[in-house]
């Protein structure tokens, strides 16, 4: 029996353009698949949202996205959305494969020599019990500092749009990651937001000493490859992949950026009615937290 070709896209989802760091790696491993990229910029940044409101938004939004695009696979290229809502999404859409993004605590604990590890994330990821459970399971013998950055995702978006970022602002955001204790220094920083790899060169430049920066983008792409191998062979349509911004109003710089990544811009509002989205305002923040 011939397995039918799969023309359904892989859907990449993020609050902004950080998920492009995952798309870049996925295209190396899965070049034959059609892609749809959705940036929920109308709600960016996720780190400041109240949990219940954001969870409701994500489930409602995905109800529309899955109905509209019938994706073969969904990659949640966002730590905040994954740690908060991937379990809810899997429960709400049991037939839909999801790949989540979680902080790379386990490889950091395996790789550290000093035992001092920092997880650089959004405030939402920092406060999530999911993150603490990862630390308890895989890094109980390490001293883990959770650093919730209020501004780094915005700085990454600015850098990707404009090609410029204030290095002193980057230095201030990453400074809490670096600690010295009993003659030992932090030697691993986990980049627990898909926006952050775009700034890693600036982070290296402004860091007080060299560390190993762990980016999970390649690991996410490998997981997507594993799931994609269980699907019918893809059938890629002619033309570029499509990207959508939930605001339907990205600036010209973002439009140019998406074109450079091989996407054309689609109109998201045509599918909004399917999503049942109830946008609520919320705010929460946390700074640096120690975990053992």
C-alpha atoms as a PDB file:
ATOM      1  CA  UNK A   1       0.000   0.000   0.000  1.00  0.00           C
ATOM      2  CA  UNK A   2       1.325   3.432  -0.934  1.00  0.00           C
ATOM      3  CA  UNK A   3       1.490   5.931   1.920  1.00  0.00           C
ATOM      4  CA  UNK A   4      -0.119   9.217   0.802  1.00  0.00           C
ATOM      5  CA  UNK A   5       2.073  12.301   0.635  1.00  0.00           C
ATOM      6  CA  UNK A   6       1.651  14.724   3.509  1.00  0.00           C
ATOM      7  CA  UNK A   7       1.032  18.282   2.340  1.00  0.00           C
ATOM      8  CA  UNK A   8       0.114  19.541   5.802  1.00  0.00           C
ATOM      9  CA  UNK A   9       2.625  22.003   7.277  1.00  0.00           C
ATOM     10  CA  UNK A  10       4.698  21.907  10.405  1.00  0.00           C
ATOM     11  CA  UNK A  11       3.410  24.794  12.512  1.00  0.00           C
ATOM     12  CA  UNK A  12       5.997  26.775  14.482  1.00  0.00           C
ATOM     13  CA  UNK A  13       4.580  28.998  17.208  1.00  0.00           C
ATOM     14  CA  UNK A  14       6.132  31.690  19.393  1.00  0.00           C
ATOM     15  CA  UNK A  15       5.148  34.939  21.069  1.00  0.00           C
ATOM     16  CA  UNK A  16       7.395  36.762  18.608  1.00  0.00           C
ATOM     17  CA  UNK A  17      10.318  36.013  16.312  1.00  0.00           C
ATOM     18  CA  UNK A  18      12.389  33.965  18.753  1.00  0.00           C
ATOM     19  CA  UNK A  19      11.084  30.739  17.231  1.00  0.00           C
ATOM     20  CA  UNK A  20      13.066  31.537  14.091  1.00  0.00           C
ATOM     21  CA  UNK A  21      16.098  30.180  15.962  1.00  0.00           C
ATOM     22  CA  UNK A  22      14.326  26.806  15.929  1.00  0.00           C
ATOM     23  CA  UNK A  23      13.184  27.178  12.313  1.00  0.00           C
ATOM     24  CA  UNK A  24      16.794  27.746  11.280  1.00  0.00           C
ATOM     25  CA  UNK A  25      17.826  24.398  12.795  1.00  0.00           C
ATOM     26  CA  UNK A  26      14.694  22.578  11.600  1.00  0.00           C
ATOM     27  CA  UNK A  27      15.299  23.537   7.990  1.00  0.00           C
ATOM     28  CA  UNK A  28      18.629  21.747   8.144  1.00  0.00           C
ATOM     29  CA  UNK A  29      16.999  18.520   9.353  1.00  0.00           C
ATOM     30  CA  UNK A  30      13.555  18.827   7.718  1.00  0.00           C
ATOM     31  CA  UNK A  31      14.071  20.792   4.487  1.00  0.00           C
ATOM     32  CA  UNK A  32      11.344  18.951   2.578  1.00  0.00           C
ATOM     33  CA  UNK A  33       8.467  19.979   4.869  1.00  0.00           C
ATOM     34  CA  UNK A  34       6.205  23.009   4.334  1.00  0.00           C
ATOM     35  CA  UNK A  35       6.219  25.414   7.300  1.00  0.00           C
ATOM     36  CA  UNK A  36       3.769  27.858   8.811  1.00  0.00           C
ATOM     37  CA  UNK A  37       5.110  30.290  11.406  1.00  0.00           C
ATOM     38  CA  UNK A  38       2.759  32.079  13.803  1.00  0.00           C
ATOM     39  CA  UNK A  39       3.998  34.931  15.999  1.00  0.00           C
ATOM     40  CA  UNK A  40       1.544  35.979  18.692  1.00  0.00           C
ATOM     41  CA  UNK A  41       2.909  39.508  18.711  1.00  0.00           C
ATOM     42  CA  UNK A  42      -0.471  40.909  19.771  1.00  0.00           C
ATOM     43  CA  UNK A  43       0.248  39.373  23.192  1.00  0.00           C
ATOM     44  CA  UNK A  44       4.041  39.830  23.312  1.00  0.00           C
ATOM     45  CA  UNK A  45       5.763  39.469  25.746  1.00  0.00           C
ATOM     46  CA  UNK A  46       4.310  36.381  27.408  1.00  0.00           C
ATOM     47  CA  UNK A  47       6.522  36.661  30.481  1.00  0.00           C
ATOM     48  CA  UNK A  48       4.332  39.345  32.054  1.00  0.00           C
ATOM     49  CA  UNK A  49       0.980  37.568  31.601  1.00  0.00           C
ATOM     50  CA  UNK A  50      -1.110  36.138  34.426  1.00  0.00           C
ATOM     51  CA  UNK A  51      -1.026  32.343  34.083  1.00  0.00           C
ATOM     52  CA  UNK A  52      -4.736  31.626  33.807  1.00  0.00           C
ATOM     53  CA  UNK A  53      -5.324  34.314  31.198  1.00  0.00           C
ATOM     54  CA  UNK A  54      -2.389  33.194  29.079  1.00  0.00           C
ATOM     55  CA  UNK A  55      -3.348  29.521  29.298  1.00  0.00           C
ATOM     56  CA  UNK A  56      -6.890  30.350  28.145  1.00  0.00           C
ATOM     57  CA  UNK A  57      -5.544  32.464  25.315  1.00  0.00           C
ATOM     58  CA  UNK A  58      -3.228  29.725  24.079  1.00  0.00           C
ATOM     59  CA  UNK A  59      -5.873  26.989  24.105  1.00  0.00           C
ATOM     60  CA  UNK A  60      -8.337  29.264  22.307  1.00  0.00           C
ATOM     61  CA  UNK A  61      -5.751  30.412  19.808  1.00  0.00           C
ATOM     62  CA  UNK A  62      -4.699  26.865  18.965  1.00  0.00           C
ATOM     63  CA  UNK A  63      -8.292  25.819  18.463  1.00  0.00           C
ATOM     64  CA  UNK A  64      -8.340  28.207  15.524  1.00  0.00           C
ATOM     65  CA  UNK A  65      -4.812  27.435  14.297  1.00  0.00           C
ATOM     66  CA  UNK A  66      -5.339  23.683  14.173  1.00  0.00           C
ATOM     67  CA  UNK A  67      -8.698  24.078  12.429  1.00  0.00           C
ATOM     68  CA  UNK A  68      -7.220  26.506   9.922  1.00  0.00           C
ATOM     69  CA  UNK A  69      -3.908  24.836   9.038  1.00  0.00           C
ATOM     70  CA  UNK A  70      -4.379  21.128   9.935  1.00  0.00           C
ATOM     71  CA  UNK A  71      -0.680  20.905  10.862  1.00  0.00           C
ATOM     72  CA  UNK A  72       1.059  17.548  10.730  1.00  0.00           C
ATOM     73  CA  UNK A  73       3.120  18.657  13.731  1.00  0.00           C
ATOM     74  CA  UNK A  74       3.138  21.664  16.071  1.00  0.00           C
ATOM     75  CA  UNK A  75       6.394  23.008  17.486  1.00  0.00           C
ATOM     76  CA  UNK A  76       5.839  25.325  20.453  1.00  0.00           C
ATOM     77  CA  UNK A  77       9.084  27.273  20.014  1.00  0.00           C
ATOM     78  CA  UNK A  78       8.553  29.184  23.246  1.00  0.00           C
ATOM     79  CA  UNK A  79       9.621  28.159  26.760  1.00  0.00           C
ATOM     80  CA  UNK A  80       6.943  30.237  28.497  1.00  0.00           C
ATOM     81  CA  UNK A  81       4.082  28.802  26.440  1.00  0.00           C
ATOM     82  CA  UNK A  82       5.444  25.259  26.697  1.00  0.00           C
ATOM     83  CA  UNK A  83       6.057  25.180  30.436  1.00  0.00           C
ATOM     84  CA  UNK A  84       2.646  26.715  31.074  1.00  0.00           C
ATOM     85  CA  UNK A  85       0.294  25.163  28.541  1.00  0.00           C
ATOM     86  CA  UNK A  86       1.698  22.264  26.511  1.00  0.00           C
ATOM     87  CA  UNK A  87      -0.048  19.736  28.786  1.00  0.00           C
ATOM     88  CA  UNK A  88      -3.334  21.635  28.357  1.00  0.00           C
ATOM     89  CA  UNK A  89      -2.866  21.722  24.584  1.00  0.00           C
ATOM     90  CA  UNK A  90      -2.170  17.988  24.395  1.00  0.00           C
ATOM     91  CA  UNK A  91      -5.272  17.327  26.478  1.00  0.00           C
ATOM     92  CA  UNK A  92      -7.441  19.664  24.380  1.00  0.00           C
ATOM     93  CA  UNK A  93      -6.178  18.289  21.035  1.00  0.00           C
ATOM     94  CA  UNK A  94      -5.336  14.624  21.705  1.00  0.00           C
ATOM     95  CA  UNK A  95      -4.762  13.688  18.065  1.00  0.00           C
ATOM     96  CA  UNK A  96      -2.331  16.508  17.394  1.00  0.00           C
ATOM     97  CA  UNK A  97       1.426  15.920  17.890  1.00  0.00           C
ATOM     98  CA  UNK A  98       3.155  18.711  19.845  1.00  0.00           C
ATOM     99  CA  UNK A  99       6.845  19.402  20.427  1.00  0.00           C
ATOM    100  CA  UNK A 100       7.424  21.598  23.457  1.00  0.00           C
ATOM    101  CA  UNK A 101      10.415  23.691  24.472  1.00  0.00           C
ATOM    102  CA  UNK A 102      11.739  23.403  28.026  1.00  0.00           C
ATOM    103  CA  UNK A 103      14.875  24.717  29.754  1.00  0.00           C
ATOM    104  CA  UNK A 104      17.924  22.499  29.127  1.00  0.00           C
ATOM    105  CA  UNK A 105      18.507  21.802  32.810  1.00  0.00           C
ATOM    106  CA  UNK A 106      19.539  18.163  32.389  1.00  0.00           C
ATOM    107  CA  UNK A 107      22.390  18.759  29.886  1.00  0.00           C
ATOM    108  CA  UNK A 108      23.555  21.730  31.944  1.00  0.00           C
ATOM    109  CA  UNK A 109      23.772  19.597  35.088  1.00  0.00           C
ATOM    110  CA  UNK A 110      25.663  16.915  33.182  1.00  0.00           C
ATOM    111  CA  UNK A 111      28.137  19.388  31.703  1.00  0.00           C
ATOM    112  CA  UNK A 112      28.934  21.739  34.603  1.00  0.00           C
ATOM    113  CA  UNK A 113      32.250  21.382  36.377  1.00  0.00           C
ATOM    114  CA  UNK A 114      31.784  24.047  39.015  1.00  0.00           C
ATOM    115  CA  UNK A 115      28.271  22.964  39.957  1.00  0.00           C
ATOM    116  CA  UNK A 116      27.056  26.547  39.479  1.00  0.00           C
ATOM    117  CA  UNK A 117      24.442  26.812  36.734  1.00  0.00           C
ATOM    118  CA  UNK A 118      22.175  29.699  35.737  1.00  0.00           C
ATOM    119  CA  UNK A 119      18.942  29.463  33.782  1.00  0.00           C
ATOM    120  CA  UNK A 120      18.262  32.698  31.902  1.00  0.00           C
ATOM    121  CA  UNK A 121      14.565  32.905  31.067  1.00  0.00           C
ATOM    122  CA  UNK A 122      11.488  35.105  30.989  1.00  0.00           C
ATOM    123  CA  UNK A 123       9.782  35.840  34.322  1.00  0.00           C
ATOM    124  CA  UNK A 124       6.992  33.442  33.324  1.00  0.00           C
ATOM    125  CA  UNK A 125       9.355  30.496  32.832  1.00  0.00           C
ATOM    126  CA  UNK A 126      11.241  31.343  36.031  1.00  0.00           C
ATOM    127  CA  UNK A 127       8.129  31.200  38.208  1.00  0.00           C
ATOM    128  CA  UNK A 128       6.765  27.995  36.656  1.00  0.00           C
ATOM    129  CA  UNK A 129       6.636  24.878  38.843  1.00  0.00           C
ATOM    130  CA  UNK A 130       7.553  22.894  35.732  1.00  0.00           C
ATOM    131  CA  UNK A 131      10.977  24.562  35.777  1.00  0.00           C
ATOM    132  CA  UNK A 132      11.529  23.763  39.445  1.00  0.00           C
ATOM    133  CA  UNK A 133      10.525  20.162  38.824  1.00  0.00           C
ATOM    134  CA  UNK A 134      13.192  19.913  36.119  1.00  0.00           C
ATOM    135  CA  UNK A 135      15.777  21.190  38.597  1.00  0.00           C
ATOM    136  CA  UNK A 136      14.660  18.741  41.275  1.00  0.00           C
ATOM    137  CA  UNK A 137      14.754  15.830  38.834  1.00  0.00           C
ATOM    138  CA  UNK A 138      18.013  16.545  37.020  1.00  0.00           C
ATOM    139  CA  UNK A 139      20.078  19.136  38.901  1.00  0.00           C
ATOM    140  CA  UNK A 140      19.557  18.445  42.592  1.00  0.00           C
ATOM    141  CA  UNK A 141      23.322  18.304  43.160  1.00  0.00           C
ATOM    142  CA  UNK A 142      23.892  21.688  41.495  1.00  0.00           C
ATOM    143  CA  UNK A 143      23.353  25.226  42.655  1.00  0.00           C
ATOM    144  CA  UNK A 144      20.932  26.589  40.061  1.00  0.00           C
ATOM    145  CA  UNK A 145      20.147  30.274  39.783  1.00  0.00           C
ATOM    146  CA  UNK A 146      16.935  31.158  37.955  1.00  0.00           C
ATOM    147  CA  UNK A 147      17.186  34.581  36.348  1.00  0.00           C
ATOM    148  CA  UNK A 148      13.970  36.136  35.052  1.00  0.00           C
ATOM    149  CA  UNK A 149      14.855  38.821  32.526  1.00  0.00           C
ATOM    150  CA  UNK A 150      12.237  41.503  31.992  1.00  0.00           C
ATOM    151  CA  UNK A 151      13.805  43.014  28.878  1.00  0.00           C
ATOM    152  CA  UNK A 152      16.020  40.530  27.045  1.00  0.00           C
ATOM    153  CA  UNK A 153      13.337  39.190  24.686  1.00  0.00           C
ATOM    154  CA  UNK A 154      12.504  42.755  23.646  1.00  0.00           C
ATOM    155  CA  UNK A 155      16.202  43.479  23.113  1.00  0.00           C
ATOM    156  CA  UNK A 156      16.490  40.382  20.920  1.00  0.00           C
ATOM    157  CA  UNK A 157      13.506  41.500  18.852  1.00  0.00           C
ATOM    158  CA  UNK A 158      15.074  44.923  18.469  1.00  0.00           C
ATOM    159  CA  UNK A 159      18.379  43.404  17.388  1.00  0.00           C
ATOM    160  CA  UNK A 160      16.728  41.182  14.795  1.00  0.00           C
ATOM    161  CA  UNK A 161      14.697  44.082  13.407  1.00  0.00           C
ATOM    162  CA  UNK A 162      17.349  46.789  13.453  1.00  0.00           C
ATOM    163  CA  UNK A 163      20.718  45.029  13.622  1.00  0.00           C
ATOM    164  CA  UNK A 164      21.638  47.048  16.710  1.00  0.00           C
ATOM    165  CA  UNK A 165      21.283  46.553  20.446  1.00  0.00           C
ATOM    166  CA  UNK A 166      22.514  48.462  23.486  1.00  0.00           C
ATOM    167  CA  UNK A 167      25.306  46.243  24.822  1.00  0.00           C
ATOM    168  CA  UNK A 168      25.126  47.813  28.267  1.00  0.00           C
ATOM    169  CA  UNK A 169      21.465  46.848  28.442  1.00  0.00           C
ATOM    170  CA  UNK A 170      22.390  43.256  27.554  1.00  0.00           C
ATOM    171  CA  UNK A 171      25.138  43.312  30.187  1.00  0.00           C
ATOM    172  CA  UNK A 172      22.660  44.430  32.850  1.00  0.00           C
ATOM    173  CA  UNK A 173      20.169  41.695  31.965  1.00  0.00           C
ATOM    174  CA  UNK A 174      22.695  38.840  32.109  1.00  0.00           C
ATOM    175  CA  UNK A 175      24.688  40.106  35.126  1.00  0.00           C
ATOM    176  CA  UNK A 176      22.621  38.166  37.740  1.00  0.00           C
ATOM    177  CA  UNK A 177      23.591  34.899  36.003  1.00  0.00           C
ATOM    178  CA  UNK A 178      27.198  35.195  37.157  1.00  0.00           C
ATOM    179  CA  UNK A 179      27.974  34.210  40.723  1.00  0.00           C
ATOM    180  CA  UNK A 180      31.099  33.222  42.624  1.00  0.00           C
ATOM    181  CA  UNK A 181      30.896  30.824  45.552  1.00  0.00           C
ATOM    182  CA  UNK A 182      33.695  29.205  47.571  1.00  0.00           C
ATOM    183  CA  UNK A 183      36.235  29.822  44.834  1.00  0.00           C
ATOM    184  CA  UNK A 184      33.920  28.503  42.107  1.00  0.00           C
ATOM    185  CA  UNK A 185      32.209  30.426  39.325  1.00  0.00           C
ATOM    186  CA  UNK A 186      29.126  29.932  37.191  1.00  0.00           C
ATOM    187  CA  UNK A 187      30.250  27.947  34.149  1.00  0.00           C
ATOM    188  CA  UNK A 188      26.932  27.183  32.389  1.00  0.00           C
ATOM    189  CA  UNK A 189      24.121  29.535  31.369  1.00  0.00           C
ATOM    190  CA  UNK A 190      21.004  27.926  29.896  1.00  0.00           C
ATOM    191  CA  UNK A 191      19.253  30.114  27.331  1.00  0.00           C
ATOM    192  CA  UNK A 192      15.674  29.275  28.302  1.00  0.00           C
ATOM    193  CA  UNK A 193      13.967  31.521  25.758  1.00  0.00           C
ATOM    194  CA  UNK A 194      14.152  31.006  22.005  1.00  0.00           C
ATOM    195  CA  UNK A 195      14.751  34.735  21.513  1.00  0.00           C
ATOM    196  CA  UNK A 196      18.032  34.665  23.414  1.00  0.00           C
ATOM    197  CA  UNK A 197      20.283  32.769  20.944  1.00  0.00           C
ATOM    198  CA  UNK A 198      20.073  35.768  18.617  1.00  0.00           C
ATOM    199  CA  UNK A 199      21.937  37.788  21.254  1.00  0.00           C
ATOM    200  CA  UNK A 200      24.458  35.164  22.334  1.00  0.00           C
ATOM    201  CA  UNK A 201      27.401  36.918  20.670  1.00  0.00           C
ATOM    202  CA  UNK A 202      26.562  40.099  22.587  1.00  0.00           C
ATOM    203  CA  UNK A 203      26.230  38.046  25.751  1.00  0.00           C
ATOM    204  CA  UNK A 204      29.666  36.525  25.237  1.00  0.00           C
ATOM    205  CA  UNK A 205      31.103  39.985  24.678  1.00  0.00           C
ATOM    206  CA  UNK A 206      29.562  41.520  27.797  1.00  0.00           C
ATOM    207  CA  UNK A 207      29.884  38.546  30.179  1.00  0.00           C
ATOM    208  CA  UNK A 208      32.308  39.021  33.105  1.00  0.00           C
ATOM    209  CA  UNK A 209      33.959  35.649  32.328  1.00  0.00           C
ATOM    210  CA  UNK A 210      33.572  32.885  29.725  1.00  0.00           C
ATOM    211  CA  UNK A 211      30.778  30.344  30.210  1.00  0.00           C
ATOM    212  CA  UNK A 212      29.112  27.645  28.144  1.00  0.00           C
ATOM    213  CA  UNK A 213      25.840  29.016  26.725  1.00  0.00           C
ATOM    214  CA  UNK A 214      23.347  26.187  26.105  1.00  0.00           C
ATOM    215  CA  UNK A 215      20.877  26.762  23.265  1.00  0.00           C
ATOM    216  CA  UNK A 216      18.095  24.173  22.873  1.00  0.00           C
ATOM    217  CA  UNK A 217      17.137  25.022  19.271  1.00  0.00           C
ATOM    218  CA  UNK A 218      18.945  22.087  17.701  1.00  0.00           C
ATOM    219  CA  UNK A 219      17.526  19.644  20.270  1.00  0.00           C
ATOM    220  CA  UNK A 220      13.992  20.873  19.539  1.00  0.00           C
ATOM    221  CA  UNK A 221      14.572  20.392  15.815  1.00  0.00           C
ATOM    222  CA  UNK A 222      15.874  16.852  16.408  1.00  0.00           C
ATOM    223  CA  UNK A 223      12.748  16.028  18.419  1.00  0.00           C
ATOM    224  CA  UNK A 224      10.610  17.393  15.576  1.00  0.00           C
ATOM    225  CA  UNK A 225      12.554  15.174  13.156  1.00  0.00           C
ATOM    226  CA  UNK A 226      11.872  12.107  15.301  1.00  0.00           C
ATOM    227  CA  UNK A 227       8.124  12.762  15.281  1.00  0.00           C
ATOM    228  CA  UNK A 228       8.096  13.749  11.601  1.00  0.00           C
ATOM    229  CA  UNK A 229       9.612  10.394  10.684  1.00  0.00           C
ATOM    230  CA  UNK A 230       6.407   8.721  11.916  1.00  0.00           C
ATOM    231  CA  UNK A 231       4.271  10.802   9.521  1.00  0.00           C
ATOM    232  CA  UNK A 232       3.498  10.189   5.835  1.00  0.00           C
ATOM    233  CA  UNK A 233       6.177  11.572   3.476  1.00  0.00           C
ATOM    234  CA  UNK A 234       5.816  15.343   3.032  1.00  0.00           C
ATOM    235  CA  UNK A 235       4.802  17.045  -0.176  1.00  0.00           C
ATOM    236  CA  UNK A 236       6.147  20.563  -0.300  1.00  0.00           C
ATOM    237  CA  UNK A 237       4.088  23.041  -2.373  1.00  0.00           C
ATOM    238  CA  UNK A 238       5.720  25.543  -4.679  1.00  0.00           C
ATOM    239  CA  UNK A 239       6.523  28.968  -3.253  1.00  0.00           C
ATOM    240  CA  UNK A 240       7.740  30.219   0.117  1.00  0.00           C
ATOM    241  CA  UNK A 241       6.498  29.198   3.527  1.00  0.00           C
ATOM    242  CA  UNK A 242       3.950  31.476   5.206  1.00  0.00           C
ATOM    243  CA  UNK A 243       4.236  33.501   8.417  1.00  0.00           C
ATOM    244  CA  UNK A 244       1.441  35.168  10.354  1.00  0.00           C
ATOM    245  CA  UNK A 245       1.488  37.860  13.049  1.00  0.00           C
ATOM    246  CA  UNK A 246      -1.578  37.897  15.282  1.00  0.00           C
ATOM    247  CA  UNK A 247      -1.543  41.700  15.314  1.00  0.00           C
ATOM    248  CA  UNK A 248      -1.713  41.719  11.493  1.00  0.00           C
ATOM    249  CA  UNK A 249       0.475  44.820  11.781  1.00  0.00           C
ATOM    250  CA  UNK A 250       4.180  43.919  12.017  1.00  0.00           C
ATOM    251  CA  UNK A 251       6.593  46.768  11.240  1.00  0.00           C
ATOM    252  CA  UNK A 252       8.393  46.852   7.914  1.00  0.00           C
ATOM    253  CA  UNK A 253      11.601  45.652   9.579  1.00  0.00           C
ATOM    254  CA  UNK A 254       9.885  42.438  10.703  1.00  0.00           C
ATOM    255  CA  UNK A 255       8.406  41.922   7.258  1.00  0.00           C
ATOM    256  CA  UNK A 256      11.890  42.151   5.763  1.00  0.00           C
ATOM    257  CA  UNK A 257      13.223  39.782   8.409  1.00  0.00           C
ATOM    258  CA  UNK A 258      10.590  37.142   7.677  1.00  0.00           C
ATOM    259  CA  UNK A 259      11.273  37.438   3.953  1.00  0.00           C
ATOM    260  CA  UNK A 260      14.949  36.871   4.685  1.00  0.00           C
ATOM    261  CA  UNK A 261      14.008  33.673   6.515  1.00  0.00           C
ATOM    262  CA  UNK A 262      12.079  32.445   3.474  1.00  0.00           C
ATOM    263  CA  UNK A 263       8.557  33.350   4.571  1.00  0.00           C
ATOM    264  CA  UNK A 264       5.874  35.422   2.943  1.00  0.00           C
ATOM    265  CA  UNK A 265       3.419  37.253   5.169  1.00  0.00           C
ATOM    266  CA  UNK A 266      -0.168  36.038   5.349  1.00  0.00           C
ATOM    267  CA  UNK A 267      -3.235  37.734   6.810  1.00  0.00           C
ATOM    268  CA  UNK A 268      -3.986  36.285  10.216  1.00  0.00           C
ATOM    269  CA  UNK A 269      -7.294  38.100  10.808  1.00  0.00           C
ATOM    270  CA  UNK A 270      -9.023  35.911   8.228  1.00  0.00           C
ATOM    271  CA  UNK A 271      -8.834  33.058  10.732  1.00  0.00           C
ATOM    272  CA  UNK A 272      -9.399  34.905  13.984  1.00  0.00           C
ATOM    273  CA  UNK A 273     -13.061  34.022  14.190  1.00  0.00           C
ATOM    274  CA  UNK A 274     -12.146  30.347  14.415  1.00  0.00           C
ATOM    275  CA  UNK A 275      -9.855  30.876  17.379  1.00  0.00           C
ATOM    276  CA  UNK A 276     -12.297  31.952  20.055  1.00  0.00           C
ATOM    277  CA  UNK A 277      -9.618  34.230  21.492  1.00  0.00           C
ATOM    278  CA  UNK A 278     -10.370  36.180  24.623  1.00  0.00           C
ATOM    279  CA  UNK A 279      -7.436  38.494  25.200  1.00  0.00           C
ATOM    280  CA  UNK A 280      -6.925  39.358  28.853  1.00  0.00           C
ATOM    281  CA  UNK A 281      -4.322  41.494  30.462  1.00  0.00           C
ATOM    282  CA  UNK A 282      -2.026  40.095  33.103  1.00  0.00           C
ATOM    283  CA  UNK A 283       1.304  40.815  34.696  1.00  0.00           C
ATOM    284  CA  UNK A 284       3.791  38.951  36.819  1.00  0.00           C
ATOM    285  CA  UNK A 285       7.507  39.235  37.313  1.00  0.00           C
ATOM    286  CA  UNK A 286      10.354  37.629  39.218  1.00  0.00           C
ATOM    287  CA  UNK A 287      14.017  38.313  39.425  1.00  0.00           C
ATOM    288  CA  UNK A 288      16.890  36.012  40.273  1.00  0.00           C
ATOM    289  CA  UNK A 289      15.969  32.992  42.375  1.00  0.00           C
ATOM    290  CA  UNK A 290      18.260  30.358  43.853  1.00  0.00           C
ATOM    291  CA  UNK A 291      17.360  26.674  43.611  1.00  0.00           C
ATOM    292  CA  UNK A 292      19.219  23.668  44.956  1.00  0.00           C
END
